[in-house]
Amino acid sequence: MNRFSLAVSRAIARVADSALGPHQTAVIRIGFSLTWLLFLLREYPHRHELYGPDGPWSRDLADQLVGTNGAFTALLWTDGRGWFEAVYALAVLWSFLLLLGWRTRTTSVLFMVGVLTLQNRSVFMGDGGDNVLHLMSIYLVFTRCGRVWSLDARRARREAAARARGERPRDRVGPALWGVLGFLLLVATLAGRMDGDRFVPVLLWTVWTAQALWWLVGRRAGTGQPRILLDVVANIVHNGALLVIMAEVCLIYATAGWYKVQGSRWQDGTAVHYPLHLEYFSPWPGLADLLSASGTLVMVVTYGTVAVQVAFPFTLFNRRVKNVLLALMMTEHAVIAVVLGLPFFSLAMLAADAVFLPTSFLRRLGALAARARDRLRPGGGGPSVPGPRRPDSRTDGADGTRDGGAEAESAPAPGGAPAPRT
């Protein structure tokens, strides 16, 4: 009984004391914001046909559907062309800011608003990748996705260094941004623009209120206990959202695999042959013909796709097998992007798959990117000296590797100003 109690207490401490998988959530943030940003830029010449007034899904049809399902979309607040252009431009801006990791707690909410606004305006214009992006934009709001590889992390390091020198840095951008967005949210609520489904308005007001509470506790509390309590709540919410993201990816692959098992073309091993010869999915006909020329190869790919998708959720308990299947699935999505001409669907799935990447691999990838960045800088390329290891670093990685640096950098000093919440 003592061992069981000790194990439970350790599990609770692990969930409450730290935000798990900071590198994984950072990759998810970067992957989905980049996917949506590239999509919006790619479809900029066709934006009016996709989501605007010139689309086949007219405003009247959209009004009827939204009135039935209560979906949130700011594009139906007014039918002006200028409003549509402004919303589209803001969606591009919010995606770019989230990609950089600037004020991720706020920009993740704005990113969600942009995704829901455009996609819910024309629900029949997307594919499976849009559905994944739709869900992940909501899940990202609950994560602390700016702990590493973000402007927020860099700001936290600089403020920690300033507090170590005895300075008291003050954040003026955060409160100003909070005030402006709160005013706009209040105006939209009083104008009756939030009368549909209550989920999005409640989520927006909850995040806005939580930001105010976080700032007030950090600035006014006499002791650090209230801030520690809020940090524990934020970690629990983050870890719960991370678990939901992992479950969502497993559900996507499991359902896709089991539905394929029931199809006759997947059973006889010829299913992959047909999309390779559809004109809509053949940007490179010669490459498609080359891949489909071998019946054996088509059969292997068909059966291999089903086997990998069905088996993947069951391999999470074996790290080596999981990593092999994960590499196979990511390779498959890369092939789909090129051969079938579905780059944004593949990018969305690759970003979702990243939640299962090993922390050690992501840290090495980040180190390589940092070295490449330093070499591109004027006078860069010199050897870098690693900083001292913290004696109290904890195991924060999703796969059990050590990763406590970002947590320590954002912790407030006793009696000092609070670090930015990312």
Protein backbone atom coordinates (compact mmCIF):
# COMPACT_ATOMS: atom_id res chain seq x y z
CA MET A 1 0.00 0.00 0.00
CA ASN A 2 2.87 2.35 0.77
CA ARG A 3 4.39 1.70 -2.66
CA PHE A 4 1.06 2.37 -4.33
CA SER A 5 0.58 5.63 -2.40
CA LEU A 6 4.12 6.69 -3.24
CA ALA A 7 3.57 5.96 -6.93
CA VAL A 8 0.31 7.93 -6.95
CA SER A 9 1.91 10.89 -5.18
CA ARG A 10 4.79 10.88 -7.66
CA ALA A 11 2.38 10.81 -10.59
CA ILE A 12 0.36 13.70 -9.15
CA ALA A 13 3.52 15.69 -8.50
CA ARG A 14 4.75 15.05 -12.04
CA VAL A 15 1.48 16.25 -13.56
CA ALA A 16 1.12 19.29 -11.30
CA ASP A 17 4.71 20.48 -10.98
CA SER A 18 5.62 20.90 -14.62
CA ALA A 19 4.21 21.33 -18.11
CA LEU A 20 5.10 18.06 -19.83
CA GLY A 21 6.37 17.85 -23.38
CA PRO A 22 7.36 21.51 -23.92
CA HIS A 23 9.25 20.65 -27.12
CA GLN A 24 6.38 18.58 -28.48
CA THR A 25 3.83 21.32 -27.88
CA ALA A 26 6.21 23.86 -29.40
CA VAL A 27 6.46 21.76 -32.56
CA ILE A 28 2.67 21.42 -32.66
CA ARG A 29 2.35 25.21 -32.32
CA ILE A 30 4.89 25.83 -35.06
CA GLY A 31 3.50 23.10 -37.33
CA PHE A 32 -0.16 24.11 -37.26
CA SER A 33 0.46 27.85 -37.39
CA LEU A 34 2.81 27.34 -40.34
CA THR A 35 0.29 25.09 -42.10
CA TRP A 36 -2.52 27.62 -41.73
CA LEU A 37 -0.27 30.54 -42.66
CA LEU A 38 0.98 28.84 -45.84
CA PHE A 39 -2.57 27.86 -46.76
CA LEU A 40 -3.87 31.43 -46.35
CA LEU A 41 -1.00 32.83 -48.40
CA ARG A 42 -1.36 30.15 -51.08
CA GLU A 43 -5.10 30.76 -51.42
CA TYR A 44 -4.90 34.55 -51.17
CA PRO A 45 -5.82 35.07 -54.87
CA HIS A 46 -8.83 32.76 -54.37
CA ARG A 47 -9.91 33.97 -50.92
CA HIS A 48 -13.19 35.45 -52.14
CA GLU A 49 -14.24 32.15 -53.72
CA LEU A 50 -13.23 30.12 -50.67
CA TYR A 51 -14.56 32.15 -47.76
CA GLY A 52 -15.76 35.46 -49.19
CA PRO A 53 -18.81 36.88 -50.92
CA ASP A 54 -18.00 35.30 -54.30
CA GLY A 55 -18.00 31.72 -53.05
CA PRO A 56 -20.55 29.06 -54.06
CA TRP A 57 -21.52 28.75 -50.37
CA SER A 58 -23.45 32.03 -50.18
CA ARG A 59 -24.00 34.18 -47.12
CA ASP A 60 -27.66 33.09 -46.92
CA LEU A 61 -26.68 29.43 -46.84
CA ALA A 62 -24.02 30.14 -44.23
CA ASP A 63 -26.53 32.07 -42.10
CA GLN A 64 -28.94 29.15 -42.20
CA LEU A 65 -26.30 26.60 -41.25
CA VAL A 66 -24.84 28.73 -38.44
CA GLY A 67 -28.34 29.39 -37.15
CA THR A 68 -28.80 25.62 -36.93
CA ASN A 69 -25.50 24.47 -35.43
CA GLY A 70 -24.50 27.67 -33.60
CA ALA A 71 -20.95 27.62 -35.00
CA PHE A 72 -18.76 30.65 -34.35
CA THR A 73 -17.69 32.82 -37.28
CA ALA A 74 -17.01 36.54 -37.23
CA LEU A 75 -17.39 36.80 -41.02
CA LEU A 76 -21.17 36.79 -40.70
CA TRP A 77 -21.21 39.79 -38.38
CA THR A 78 -21.37 42.03 -41.45
CA ASP A 79 -21.38 41.48 -45.20
CA GLY A 80 -18.94 44.25 -46.08
CA ARG A 81 -16.01 43.35 -48.32
CA GLY A 82 -13.70 45.47 -46.19
CA TRP A 83 -14.59 43.42 -43.12
CA PHE A 84 -13.73 40.21 -44.94
CA GLU A 85 -10.36 41.60 -46.06
CA ALA A 86 -9.58 42.75 -42.52
CA VAL A 87 -10.47 39.38 -40.99
CA TYR A 88 -8.41 37.50 -43.58
CA ALA A 89 -5.41 39.78 -43.00
CA LEU A 90 -5.74 39.38 -39.22
CA ALA A 91 -5.87 35.59 -39.58
CA VAL A 92 -2.57 35.74 -41.49
CA LEU A 93 -1.04 38.03 -38.85
CA TRP A 94 -2.17 35.88 -35.92
CA SER A 95 -0.76 32.75 -37.56
CA PHE A 96 2.58 34.45 -38.07
CA LEU A 97 2.73 35.72 -34.47
CA LEU A 98 1.89 32.28 -33.10
CA LEU A 99 4.56 30.77 -35.34
CA LEU A 100 7.11 33.11 -33.75
CA GLY A 101 5.77 32.42 -30.27
CA TRP A 102 4.92 36.03 -29.43
CA ARG A 103 2.51 36.28 -26.49
CA THR A 104 1.44 32.71 -27.14
CA ARG A 105 -1.31 32.70 -24.50
CA THR A 106 -3.05 35.51 -26.40
CA THR A 107 -2.09 34.67 -29.96
CA SER A 108 -3.17 31.04 -29.55
CA VAL A 109 -6.68 32.32 -28.76
CA LEU A 110 -6.60 34.72 -31.70
CA PHE A 111 -5.31 31.91 -33.93
CA MET A 112 -8.29 29.79 -32.90
CA VAL A 113 -10.65 32.67 -33.66
CA GLY A 114 -9.15 33.07 -37.13
CA VAL A 115 -9.38 29.36 -37.93
CA LEU A 116 -12.96 29.00 -36.70
CA THR A 117 -14.06 32.24 -38.39
CA LEU A 118 -12.88 31.21 -41.85
CA GLN A 119 -13.62 27.50 -41.72
CA ASN A 120 -17.12 27.87 -40.25
CA ARG A 121 -17.99 30.40 -42.95
CA SER A 122 -17.59 27.74 -45.68
CA VAL A 123 -17.61 24.34 -44.01
CA PHE A 124 -17.62 22.36 -47.27
CA MET A 125 -14.41 23.88 -48.63
CA GLY A 126 -11.98 21.81 -46.56
CA ASP A 127 -10.68 18.28 -46.26
CA GLY A 128 -9.44 16.02 -43.48
CA GLY A 129 -6.47 18.28 -42.81
CA ASP A 130 -8.81 21.21 -42.15
CA ASN A 131 -10.73 19.13 -39.63
CA VAL A 132 -7.51 18.32 -37.77
CA LEU A 133 -6.48 21.97 -37.83
CA HIS A 134 -9.92 22.97 -36.59
CA LEU A 135 -9.62 20.73 -33.52
CA MET A 136 -5.97 21.43 -32.79
CA SER A 137 -6.50 25.19 -32.86
CA ILE A 138 -8.86 24.74 -29.91
CA TYR A 139 -6.57 22.37 -28.03
CA LEU A 140 -3.62 24.75 -28.40
CA VAL A 141 -5.43 27.37 -26.32
CA PHE A 142 -5.13 25.11 -23.27
CA THR A 143 -1.41 24.36 -23.70
CA ARG A 144 1.66 26.27 -22.58
CA CYS A 145 3.10 26.02 -26.06
CA GLY A 146 5.63 28.85 -25.79
CA ARG A 147 7.96 27.38 -23.18
CA VAL A 148 10.71 26.77 -25.75
CA TRP A 149 11.54 27.93 -29.28
CA SER A 150 9.55 31.14 -28.98
CA LEU A 151 9.92 34.86 -28.43
CA ASP A 152 8.19 34.32 -25.10
CA ALA A 153 10.98 32.01 -23.96
CA ARG A 154 13.60 34.54 -25.03
CA ARG A 155 11.77 37.30 -23.16
CA ALA A 156 11.59 35.10 -20.06
CA ARG A 157 15.35 34.52 -20.18
CA ARG A 158 16.05 38.22 -20.53
CA GLU A 159 13.73 39.14 -17.67
CA ALA A 160 15.25 36.45 -15.47
CA ALA A 161 18.70 37.88 -16.19
CA ALA A 162 17.46 41.38 -15.40
CA ARG A 163 16.02 40.24 -12.06
CA ALA A 164 19.32 38.51 -11.28
CA ARG A 165 21.01 41.90 -11.72
CA GLY A 166 18.59 43.44 -9.23
CA GLU A 167 16.36 45.11 -11.83
CA ARG A 168 12.56 44.95 -11.87
CA PRO A 169 11.40 44.68 -15.51
CA ARG A 170 7.86 45.83 -16.20
CA ASP A 171 5.61 44.44 -18.92
CA ARG A 172 3.58 47.19 -20.59
CA VAL A 173 2.66 45.38 -23.80
CA GLY A 174 0.77 42.56 -22.06
CA PRO A 175 -1.66 44.73 -20.04
CA ALA A 176 -2.24 47.02 -23.03
CA LEU A 177 -3.02 44.04 -25.26
CA TRP A 178 -5.28 42.60 -22.58
CA GLY A 179 -7.20 45.88 -22.27
CA VAL A 180 -7.74 46.33 -26.01
CA LEU A 181 -8.90 42.77 -26.57
CA GLY A 182 -11.15 42.91 -23.51
CA PHE A 183 -12.82 46.05 -24.87
CA LEU A 184 -13.38 44.45 -28.27
CA LEU A 185 -14.74 41.30 -26.65
CA LEU A 186 -17.13 43.37 -24.53
CA VAL A 187 -18.37 45.30 -27.57
CA ALA A 188 -18.96 42.07 -29.52
CA THR A 189 -20.83 40.54 -26.58
CA LEU A 190 -23.07 43.57 -25.99
CA ALA A 191 -23.79 43.80 -29.72
CA GLY A 192 -25.19 40.26 -29.66
CA ARG A 193 -22.47 38.76 -31.84
CA MET A 194 -21.84 35.93 -29.36
CA ASP A 195 -25.40 34.59 -29.22
CA GLY A 196 -24.67 31.26 -30.91
CA ASP A 197 -23.03 28.31 -29.26
CA ARG A 198 -21.71 29.30 -25.82
CA PHE A 199 -18.44 27.40 -25.97
CA VAL A 200 -16.33 29.98 -27.81
CA PRO A 201 -17.63 33.07 -25.90
CA VAL A 202 -17.19 31.32 -22.55
CA LEU A 203 -13.69 30.21 -23.53
CA LEU A 204 -12.73 33.73 -24.62
CA TRP A 205 -14.00 35.33 -21.42
CA THR A 206 -12.39 32.63 -19.29
CA VAL A 207 -8.96 33.12 -20.86
CA TRP A 208 -9.30 36.90 -20.60
CA THR A 209 -10.24 36.68 -16.91
CA ALA A 210 -7.46 34.18 -16.21
CA GLN A 211 -4.92 36.55 -17.72
CA ALA A 212 -6.10 39.33 -15.41
CA LEU A 213 -5.93 37.05 -12.39
CA TRP A 214 -2.45 35.85 -13.36
CA TRP A 215 -1.17 39.42 -13.61
CA LEU A 216 -2.84 40.63 -10.41
CA VAL A 217 -1.55 37.70 -8.37
CA GLY A 218 1.96 38.21 -9.68
CA ARG A 219 1.95 41.94 -8.98
CA ARG A 220 -0.11 42.27 -5.79
CA ALA A 221 0.21 39.03 -3.84
CA GLY A 222 2.31 39.36 -0.70
CA THR A 223 3.62 35.81 -0.95
CA GLY A 224 4.38 33.41 -3.77
CA GLN A 225 1.75 30.86 -2.74
CA PRO A 226 -1.12 32.19 -4.94
CA ARG A 227 1.19 32.28 -7.97
CA ILE A 228 2.34 28.73 -7.28
CA LEU A 229 -1.30 27.62 -7.11
CA LEU A 230 -2.10 29.25 -10.46
CA ASP A 231 1.01 27.68 -11.96
CA VAL A 232 -0.13 24.24 -10.78
CA VAL A 233 -3.56 24.78 -12.35
CA ALA A 234 -1.95 25.89 -15.62
CA ASN A 235 0.28 22.80 -15.65
CA ILE A 236 -2.66 20.48 -15.05
CA VAL A 237 -4.66 22.11 -17.85
CA HIS A 238 -1.66 21.92 -20.18
CA ASN A 239 -0.99 18.26 -19.43
CA GLY A 240 -4.66 17.41 -19.85
CA ALA A 241 -4.73 19.14 -23.24
CA LEU A 242 -1.56 17.31 -24.26
CA LEU A 243 -3.20 14.01 -23.37
CA VAL A 244 -6.27 14.95 -25.43
CA ILE A 245 -4.07 15.78 -28.43
CA MET A 246 -2.34 12.41 -28.17
CA ALA A 247 -5.68 10.61 -27.87
CA GLU A 248 -7.02 12.56 -30.85
CA VAL A 249 -4.13 11.48 -33.06
CA CYS A 250 -4.55 7.85 -31.99
CA LEU A 251 -8.28 8.06 -32.68
CA ILE A 252 -7.67 9.48 -36.15
CA TYR A 253 -5.37 6.65 -37.13
CA ALA A 254 -7.40 3.91 -35.44
CA THR A 255 -10.69 4.93 -37.08
CA ALA A 256 -9.01 5.44 -40.46
CA GLY A 257 -7.41 2.01 -40.27
CA TRP A 258 -10.53 0.16 -39.17
CA TYR A 259 -12.67 1.82 -41.83
CA LYS A 260 -10.11 0.83 -44.45
CA VAL A 261 -10.24 -2.79 -43.25
CA GLN A 262 -13.94 -2.87 -44.14
CA GLY A 263 -13.39 -1.67 -47.73
CA SER A 264 -13.22 -4.27 -50.47
CA ARG A 265 -10.44 -2.44 -52.35
CA TRP A 266 -8.31 -2.36 -49.22
CA GLN A 267 -9.00 -6.02 -48.64
CA ASP A 268 -7.84 -7.08 -52.11
CA GLY A 269 -4.78 -4.78 -51.97
CA THR A 270 -5.66 -2.43 -54.86
CA ALA A 271 -6.94 0.67 -53.03
CA VAL A 272 -3.78 2.74 -53.50
CA HIS A 273 -3.94 2.23 -57.29
CA TYR A 274 -7.10 4.32 -57.82
CA PRO A 275 -6.21 7.72 -56.32
CA LEU A 276 -2.95 7.62 -58.25
CA HIS A 277 -4.98 7.75 -61.49
CA LEU A 278 -7.49 10.43 -60.52
CA GLU A 279 -6.81 13.60 -62.47
CA TYR A 280 -7.61 15.79 -59.46
CA PHE A 281 -4.99 13.99 -57.36
CA SER A 282 -2.29 13.63 -60.03
CA PRO A 283 -0.06 16.71 -60.14
CA TRP A 284 2.75 14.45 -61.40
CA PRO A 285 1.16 11.82 -63.68
CA GLY A 286 4.52 10.32 -64.60
CA LEU A 287 5.42 9.74 -60.97
CA ALA A 288 2.00 8.26 -60.25
CA ASP A 289 2.35 5.88 -63.20
CA LEU A 290 5.78 4.84 -62.01
CA LEU A 291 4.49 4.01 -58.52
CA SER A 292 1.45 2.12 -59.78
CA ALA A 293 3.34 0.15 -62.46
CA SER A 294 4.22 -2.58 -59.97
CA GLY A 295 1.24 -4.51 -58.64
CA THR A 296 3.38 -5.90 -55.84
CA LEU A 297 4.37 -2.41 -54.69
CA VAL A 298 0.73 -1.26 -54.74
CA MET A 299 -0.31 -4.27 -52.67
CA VAL A 300 2.51 -3.76 -50.13
CA VAL A 301 1.68 -0.06 -49.71
CA THR A 302 -2.03 -0.79 -49.39
CA TYR A 303 -1.69 -3.47 -46.74
CA GLY A 304 1.16 -1.61 -45.04
CA THR A 305 -0.95 1.54 -44.68
CA VAL A 306 -3.76 -0.36 -43.00
CA ALA A 307 -1.41 -2.30 -40.73
CA VAL A 308 0.47 0.80 -39.58
CA GLN A 309 -2.68 2.83 -38.87
CA VAL A 310 -4.41 0.05 -36.96
CA ALA A 311 -1.32 -0.93 -34.99
CA PHE A 312 0.00 2.51 -34.08
CA PRO A 313 -2.16 3.16 -30.97
CA PHE A 314 -1.09 -0.20 -29.55
CA THR A 315 2.62 0.51 -29.98
CA LEU A 316 2.73 3.51 -27.63
CA PHE A 317 3.85 1.25 -24.79
CA ASN A 318 6.98 0.25 -26.74
CA ARG A 319 9.09 3.27 -27.58
CA ARG A 320 11.21 1.64 -30.28
CA VAL A 321 8.29 0.15 -32.20
CA LYS A 322 6.37 3.41 -31.82
CA ASN A 323 9.24 5.41 -33.29
CA VAL A 324 9.52 3.05 -36.27
CA LEU A 325 5.81 3.26 -37.08
CA LEU A 326 5.86 7.01 -36.51
CA ALA A 327 8.66 7.38 -39.05
CA LEU A 328 6.69 5.26 -41.52
CA MET A 329 3.55 7.36 -41.10
CA MET A 330 5.43 10.64 -41.46
CA THR A 331 7.11 9.30 -44.59
CA GLU A 332 3.70 8.31 -45.93
CA HIS A 333 2.35 11.83 -45.39
CA ALA A 334 5.38 13.32 -47.13
CA VAL A 335 4.73 11.03 -50.12
CA ILE A 336 1.04 11.99 -50.14
CA ALA A 337 2.01 15.67 -50.21
CA VAL A 338 4.11 15.18 -53.36
CA VAL A 339 2.40 12.38 -55.26
CA LEU A 340 -1.26 13.25 -54.57
CA GLY A 341 -0.77 17.02 -54.36
CA LEU A 342 -2.14 17.41 -50.82
CA PRO A 343 0.58 19.46 -49.08
CA PHE A 344 -1.58 21.14 -46.44
CA PHE A 345 -3.30 17.92 -45.41
CA SER A 346 0.12 16.30 -45.05
CA LEU A 347 1.54 19.26 -43.11
CA ALA A 348 -1.39 19.14 -40.69
CA MET A 349 -0.93 15.42 -40.09
CA LEU A 350 2.84 15.79 -39.72
CA ALA A 351 2.27 18.49 -37.10
CA ALA A 352 -0.16 16.21 -35.26
CA ASP A 353 2.29 13.30 -35.42
CA ALA A 354 4.95 15.49 -33.81
CA VAL A 355 3.32 15.06 -30.40
CA PHE A 356 4.89 11.57 -30.29
CA LEU A 357 8.40 12.58 -31.35
CA PRO A 358 11.10 11.81 -28.75
CA THR A 359 12.30 14.78 -26.74
CA SER A 360 15.95 13.81 -27.32
CA PHE A 361 15.41 13.99 -31.08
CA LEU A 362 13.69 17.37 -30.83
CA ARG A 363 16.46 18.76 -28.63
CA ARG A 364 19.09 17.65 -31.14
CA LEU A 365 17.02 19.17 -33.93
CA GLY A 366 16.78 22.43 -32.02
CA ALA A 367 20.54 22.44 -31.42
CA LEU A 368 21.18 21.95 -35.13
CA ALA A 369 18.80 24.79 -35.99
CA ALA A 370 20.52 27.05 -33.43
CA ARG A 371 23.95 26.29 -34.90
CA ALA A 372 22.68 26.96 -38.41
CA ARG A 373 21.17 30.26 -37.25
CA ASP A 374 24.44 31.30 -35.60
CA ARG A 375 26.40 30.56 -38.75
CA LEU A 376 24.05 32.73 -40.81
CA ARG A 377 24.57 35.69 -38.48
CA PRO A 378 27.36 38.15 -39.25
CA GLY A 379 30.43 36.99 -37.33
CA GLY A 380 28.65 33.81 -36.21
CA GLY A 381 29.81 30.25 -36.38
CA GLY A 382 32.03 30.31 -33.31
CA PRO A 383 31.83 27.59 -30.68
CA SER A 384 29.12 28.00 -28.09
CA VAL A 385 29.70 27.23 -24.44
CA PRO A 386 26.76 25.49 -22.71
CA GLY A 387 25.47 27.05 -19.51
CA PRO A 388 25.68 25.29 -16.15
CA ARG A 389 23.15 22.53 -15.51
CA ARG A 390 20.56 23.36 -12.91
CA PRO A 391 20.76 21.00 -9.92
CA ASP A 392 16.96 20.88 -9.59
CA SER A 393 16.11 20.19 -13.22
CA ARG A 394 13.16 17.86 -13.55
CA THR A 395 12.04 15.27 -16.05
CA ASP A 396 9.55 17.18 -18.19
CA GLY A 397 9.79 15.52 -21.58
CA ALA A 398 6.88 13.57 -22.92
CA ASP A 399 9.08 10.53 -23.33
CA GLY A 400 10.91 10.78 -20.00
CA THR A 401 13.99 12.85 -20.85
CA ARG A 402 15.20 15.77 -18.77
CA ASP A 403 13.88 19.17 -19.80
CA GLY A 404 13.45 21.65 -16.98
CA GLY A 405 15.33 24.70 -18.25
CA ALA A 406 12.36 26.64 -19.63
CA GLU A 407 10.39 26.01 -16.48
CA ALA A 408 13.14 27.45 -14.32
CA GLU A 409 13.66 30.45 -16.57
CA SER A 410 10.05 31.54 -16.31
CA ALA A 411 9.78 31.13 -12.55
CA PRO A 412 9.45 34.45 -10.66
CA ALA A 413 12.18 35.50 -8.30
CA PRO A 414 11.17 36.06 -4.68
CA GLY A 415 9.67 39.51 -4.43
CA GLY A 416 10.19 40.17 -8.12
CA ALA A 417 7.79 40.82 -10.96
CA PRO A 418 6.09 37.78 -12.50
CA ALA A 419 7.54 36.24 -15.61
CA PRO A 420 5.38 36.27 -18.74
CA ARG A 421 2.93 33.42 -18.93
CA THR A 422 3.47 31.41 -22.06
